[in-house]
Amino acid sequence: MSIISQEGYSFKFDSSKCFSCNGACCRGESGKVWVLIEEMEKIANFLGIELEEFKRDFVKKEGERYSLKEIKVKGEYLCIFFNPSTCRCEIYPIRPLQCKQFPFWPSLKNKKNLYEVCKECKAILLS
């Protein structure tokens, strides 16, 4: 079944519609995709590179945390792993937890934030 719900959220998510937006959750305004060391190790392994090379080329340090880098293209920011030609994530099978949890983020329990995201994500079904 492609309809996903989580307790405490006022919406459901239809994963079958996920590709109808051309990757709106991976592009747009600048943001942070937090990535843990364990996730970086898995991604580096997936890419066939060393962890230090991954850290140098794909993340930026933000205080004590790491965030995936972004690339600015035609006035919008793209996750470094978003392929604009295919509108797909190049590391989808091992993407960071933050990406796996979308749209069930605590900030989207706030209806104002949720409605903003709904403008771009057609897979969010309001109850």
C-alpha atoms as a PDB file:
ATOM      1  CA  MET A   1       0.000   0.000   0.000  1.00  0.00           C
ATOM      2  CA  SER A   2       1.346   3.403  -0.912  1.00  0.00           C
ATOM      3  CA  ILE A   3      -0.640   5.491   1.631  1.00  0.00           C
ATOM      4  CA  ILE A   4       1.462   6.126   4.732  1.00  0.00           C
ATOM      5  CA  SER A   5       0.317   7.705   7.985  1.00  0.00           C
ATOM      6  CA  GLN A   6       1.931   8.385  11.323  1.00  0.00           C
ATOM      7  CA  GLU A   7       0.394   9.036  14.694  1.00  0.00           C
ATOM      8  CA  GLY A   8       0.340  12.706  15.623  1.00  0.00           C
ATOM      9  CA  TYR A   9       0.248  14.009  12.044  1.00  0.00           C
ATOM     10  CA  SER A  10      -2.854  15.509  10.432  1.00  0.00           C
ATOM     11  CA  PHE A  11      -2.047  14.178   6.969  1.00  0.00           C
ATOM     12  CA  LYS A  12      -1.145  11.033   5.066  1.00  0.00           C
ATOM     13  CA  PHE A  13       1.463  10.511   2.388  1.00  0.00           C
ATOM     14  CA  ASP A  14       0.833   8.793  -0.942  1.00  0.00           C
ATOM     15  CA  SER A  15       4.246   7.515  -1.999  1.00  0.00           C
ATOM     16  CA  SER A  16       2.879   6.549  -5.433  1.00  0.00           C
ATOM     17  CA  LYS A  17       2.699  10.287  -6.222  1.00  0.00           C
ATOM     18  CA  CYS A  18       6.237  10.929  -5.101  1.00  0.00           C
ATOM     19  CA  PHE A  19       7.675  11.480  -8.566  1.00  0.00           C
ATOM     20  CA  SER A  20       4.917  13.800  -9.783  1.00  0.00           C
ATOM     21  CA  CYS A  21       6.627  16.941  -8.429  1.00  0.00           C
ATOM     22  CA  ASN A  22      10.053  16.638 -10.085  1.00  0.00           C
ATOM     23  CA  GLY A  23      11.848  16.433  -6.744  1.00  0.00           C
ATOM     24  CA  ALA A  24      10.412  19.431  -4.891  1.00  0.00           C
ATOM     25  CA  CYS A  25      11.708  18.075  -1.564  1.00  0.00           C
ATOM     26  CA  CYS A  26      15.265  17.952  -2.983  1.00  0.00           C
ATOM     27  CA  ARG A  27      15.302  21.389  -4.583  1.00  0.00           C
ATOM     28  CA  GLY A  28      14.118  24.934  -4.019  1.00  0.00           C
ATOM     29  CA  GLU A  29      15.173  27.214  -1.185  1.00  0.00           C
ATOM     30  CA  SER A  30      18.439  26.614   0.596  1.00  0.00           C
ATOM     31  CA  GLY A  31      18.172  24.234   3.528  1.00  0.00           C
ATOM     32  CA  LYS A  32      19.996  21.680   5.597  1.00  0.00           C
ATOM     33  CA  VAL A  33      20.044  17.920   5.133  1.00  0.00           C
ATOM     34  CA  TRP A  34      21.733  16.707   8.284  1.00  0.00           C
ATOM     35  CA  VAL A  35      23.859  13.607   7.922  1.00  0.00           C
ATOM     36  CA  LEU A  36      25.430  11.511  10.670  1.00  0.00           C
ATOM     37  CA  ILE A  37      28.899   9.956  10.493  1.00  0.00           C
ATOM     38  CA  GLU A  38      27.346   6.480  10.165  1.00  0.00           C
ATOM     39  CA  GLU A  39      25.256   7.709   7.225  1.00  0.00           C
ATOM     40  CA  MET A  40      28.295   9.337   5.625  1.00  0.00           C
ATOM     41  CA  GLU A  41      30.181   6.041   5.889  1.00  0.00           C
ATOM     42  CA  LYS A  42      27.317   4.162   4.171  1.00  0.00           C
ATOM     43  CA  ILE A  43      27.029   6.752   1.423  1.00  0.00           C
ATOM     44  CA  ALA A  44      30.802   6.827   0.864  1.00  0.00           C
ATOM     45  CA  ASN A  45      30.807   3.029   0.623  1.00  0.00           C
ATOM     46  CA  PHE A  46      27.860   3.174  -1.811  1.00  0.00           C
ATOM     47  CA  LEU A  47      29.802   5.663  -3.946  1.00  0.00           C
ATOM     48  CA  GLY A  48      33.006   3.614  -3.688  1.00  0.00           C
ATOM     49  CA  ILE A  49      35.043   6.374  -2.077  1.00  0.00           C
ATOM     50  CA  GLU A  50      36.823   6.944   1.222  1.00  0.00           C
ATOM     51  CA  LEU A  51      35.025   8.747   4.042  1.00  0.00           C
ATOM     52  CA  GLU A  52      37.488  11.659   4.011  1.00  0.00           C
ATOM     53  CA  GLU A  53      36.908  12.191   0.287  1.00  0.00           C
ATOM     54  CA  PHE A  54      33.154  12.098   0.870  1.00  0.00           C
ATOM     55  CA  LYS A  55      33.420  14.677   3.659  1.00  0.00           C
ATOM     56  CA  ARG A  56      35.561  16.950   1.508  1.00  0.00           C
ATOM     57  CA  ASP A  57      33.390  16.765  -1.607  1.00  0.00           C
ATOM     58  CA  PHE A  58      29.823  16.267  -0.411  1.00  0.00           C
ATOM     59  CA  VAL A  59      29.265  17.779   3.038  1.00  0.00           C
ATOM     60  CA  LYS A  60      29.863  21.005   4.880  1.00  0.00           C
ATOM     61  CA  LYS A  61      30.475  21.271   8.589  1.00  0.00           C
ATOM     62  CA  GLU A  62      27.874  23.314  10.460  1.00  0.00           C
ATOM     63  CA  GLY A  63      29.098  23.713  14.035  1.00  0.00           C
ATOM     64  CA  GLU A  64      29.401  20.176  15.336  1.00  0.00           C
ATOM     65  CA  ARG A  65      27.121  18.710  12.643  1.00  0.00           C
ATOM     66  CA  TYR A  66      27.372  17.934   8.945  1.00  0.00           C
ATOM     67  CA  SER A  67      24.960  18.874   6.174  1.00  0.00           C
ATOM     68  CA  LEU A  68      24.920  17.722   2.567  1.00  0.00           C
ATOM     69  CA  LYS A  69      26.168  20.384   0.183  1.00  0.00           C
ATOM     70  CA  GLU A  70      23.851  22.136  -2.237  1.00  0.00           C
ATOM     71  CA  ILE A  71      24.380  23.291  -5.787  1.00  0.00           C
ATOM     72  CA  LYS A  72      22.749  26.485  -7.061  1.00  0.00           C
ATOM     73  CA  VAL A  73      21.227  26.017 -10.508  1.00  0.00           C
ATOM     74  CA  LYS A  74      19.025  28.580 -12.261  1.00  0.00           C
ATOM     75  CA  GLY A  75      18.209  30.396  -9.030  1.00  0.00           C
ATOM     76  CA  GLU A  76      17.312  27.363  -6.944  1.00  0.00           C
ATOM     77  CA  TYR A  77      19.279  25.104  -4.649  1.00  0.00           C
ATOM     78  CA  LEU A  78      19.589  21.393  -5.380  1.00  0.00           C
ATOM     79  CA  CYS A  79      20.794  18.697  -3.020  1.00  0.00           C
ATOM     80  CA  ILE A  80      24.200  17.593  -4.265  1.00  0.00           C
ATOM     81  CA  PHE A  81      22.739  14.108  -4.866  1.00  0.00           C
ATOM     82  CA  PHE A  82      19.677  15.272  -6.788  1.00  0.00           C
ATOM     83  CA  ASN A  83      19.960  14.607 -10.502  1.00  0.00           C
ATOM     84  CA  PRO A  84      17.954  17.318 -12.311  1.00  0.00           C
ATOM     85  CA  SER A  85      17.977  15.329 -15.575  1.00  0.00           C
ATOM     86  CA  THR A  86      16.126  12.385 -14.061  1.00  0.00           C
ATOM     87  CA  CYS A  87      14.567  14.213 -11.066  1.00  0.00           C
ATOM     88  CA  ARG A  88      15.825  11.390  -8.885  1.00  0.00           C
ATOM     89  CA  CYS A  89      18.106  10.995  -5.887  1.00  0.00           C
ATOM     90  CA  GLU A  90      21.378   9.313  -6.821  1.00  0.00           C
ATOM     91  CA  ILE A  91      21.767   7.776  -3.348  1.00  0.00           C
ATOM     92  CA  TYR A  92      18.101   6.906  -2.759  1.00  0.00           C
ATOM     93  CA  PRO A  93      18.659   3.395  -1.298  1.00  0.00           C
ATOM     94  CA  ILE A  94      20.954   4.785   1.417  1.00  0.00           C
ATOM     95  CA  ARG A  95      19.701   8.385   1.691  1.00  0.00           C
ATOM     96  CA  PRO A  96      19.968  10.086   5.112  1.00  0.00           C
ATOM     97  CA  LEU A  97      17.314   9.494   7.768  1.00  0.00           C
ATOM     98  CA  GLN A  98      16.055  13.065   7.383  1.00  0.00           C
ATOM     99  CA  CYS A  99      15.165  12.284   3.759  1.00  0.00           C
ATOM    100  CA  LYS A 100      13.611   8.917   4.644  1.00  0.00           C
ATOM    101  CA  GLN A 101      11.365  10.548   7.237  1.00  0.00           C
ATOM    102  CA  PHE A 102       9.975  13.245   4.910  1.00  0.00           C
ATOM    103  CA  PRO A 103       7.238  14.498   5.214  1.00  0.00           C
ATOM    104  CA  PHE A 104       6.853  13.253   8.764  1.00  0.00           C
ATOM    105  CA  TRP A 105       9.030  15.960  10.302  1.00  0.00           C
ATOM    106  CA  PRO A 106       8.060  17.557  13.629  1.00  0.00           C
ATOM    107  CA  SER A 107       7.956  20.995  11.977  1.00  0.00           C
ATOM    108  CA  LEU A 108       5.149  19.776   9.709  1.00  0.00           C
ATOM    109  CA  LYS A 109       2.860  19.143  12.653  1.00  0.00           C
ATOM    110  CA  ASN A 110       2.371  22.919  12.521  1.00  0.00           C
ATOM    111  CA  LYS A 111      -0.397  23.494   9.965  1.00  0.00           C
ATOM    112  CA  LYS A 112       1.180  26.711   8.616  1.00  0.00           C
ATOM    113  CA  ASN A 113       4.408  24.876   7.756  1.00  0.00           C
ATOM    114  CA  LEU A 114       2.433  21.944   6.364  1.00  0.00           C
ATOM    115  CA  TYR A 115       0.388  24.105   3.994  1.00  0.00           C
ATOM    116  CA  GLU A 116       3.576  25.674   2.610  1.00  0.00           C
ATOM    117  CA  VAL A 117       5.006  22.221   1.844  1.00  0.00           C
ATOM    118  CA  CYS A 118       1.681  21.050   0.354  1.00  0.00           C
ATOM    119  CA  LYS A 119       1.995  23.707  -2.337  1.00  0.00           C
ATOM    120  CA  GLU A 120       4.947  21.746  -3.728  1.00  0.00           C
ATOM    121  CA  CYS A 121       4.380  18.159  -2.596  1.00  0.00           C
ATOM    122  CA  LYS A 122       1.345  16.561  -4.248  1.00  0.00           C
ATOM    123  CA  ALA A 123       1.903  13.343  -2.293  1.00  0.00           C
ATOM    124  CA  ILE A 124       0.782  14.888   1.013  1.00  0.00           C
ATOM    125  CA  LEU A 125      -2.893  14.165   1.591  1.00  0.00           C
ATOM    126  CA  LEU A 126      -4.619  16.472   4.045  1.00  0.00           C
ATOM    127  CA  SER A 127      -7.164  14.849   6.326  1.00  0.00           C
END
